[in-house]
Amino acid sequence: MAGLKQIKRRIASVKSTQQVTRVMKMVAAAKLRRAQEAMINARPYSLMLRGAIRDLAAHVDRTHHPLLEVREVDHVGIVVVTGDRGLAGAFNVNILKRAQHIMRENAQHQVHLVTVGKKGMEFFTRRNADVTGRLSGFFNHLDFSHATHIGDLITAHYLGSTMDRVYVVYNEFKSALQQNVVVEQLLPIVPDESDKSRADYIFEPSEMEVLDAILPKYVNVQLWRILLESFAAEMAARMTAMENATKNAGELIDSLSLKYNKVRQADITGQILEIVAGAEGLK
């Protein structure tokens, strides 16, 4: 059985870890409130723009703009949005598994990865995957310029035909306790083919000028929403993971304290028996 000193050191170690996990939970909760507010503010505009562009894509001649044109797929781009840090439960693992699944589904094509977040970059670099772009270290200072940078990179590859289809894999924030892994086709833009009645569009000054102005903006706005969704989901996952870790540490401390008391009691009982036995021997 473990000695008293060893158990005491382990209790102190677990208490120290519990303090760290409690602080990390509080930090994640504070960041989650800010991230959730930014995400909720961005969602309505982003989703409304997505609906309008998809409706527009169903009306116009898709060959008039390269971001709408559907071409034969030889190269597939996958944007993998993970976190820069771990200790967030299955947040990163679920994303990486889904990304690998998409890679297997497109094994007949040349797959190019754009990793957003340190965890995804490290994971695919170790596996010698074709990582075309690597971006990380900006989530704590998230700005629309980061979405623009990623959007410009993806658009350049798409226009240069080094990517014929682009998917984005990320965690969508549902609540503090639930995050869903989502796969979206970013390019070419998927038209809305529903049967609802549509109005004819009149372009001023011209169809091409309007599309040139709005479609790149569409890509950047969708990526901005995705980054906000992912960051809020990461903070929620980390808060939940640290709360569970703190709770588990408390249970372990209780278990070790009980074990410590049992060993201490057995030790004291043994010492008393030795004293009694010694006294009996002196008679």
Foldseek 3Di string as FASTA:
>chain_A
DDDLVVLVVVLVVLVVVLVVLVVLLVVLVVVLVVLVVVLVVLPVVLVVLLQVVQQVLVADDQVLDLLSDQDDFAEAEEEQEAAQDDLLPCFNVVSVVVVVVVCVVVVNHHYEYAYEYNVVVVVVVVVVHRHPHYHYDCLVPDDLVVLLVVLVVVVVCSVVVNHNWYKYWAWADDDLVDIDIDIDTLGSRNHDPDPDDDDHDDDPPDPSVVCVPSSSVSSSSNSSSRSSRRSSNSSSSNSVSSVVSSVVSVVVSVVSVVVSVVNVVVVVVVVVVVVVVVVVVVD
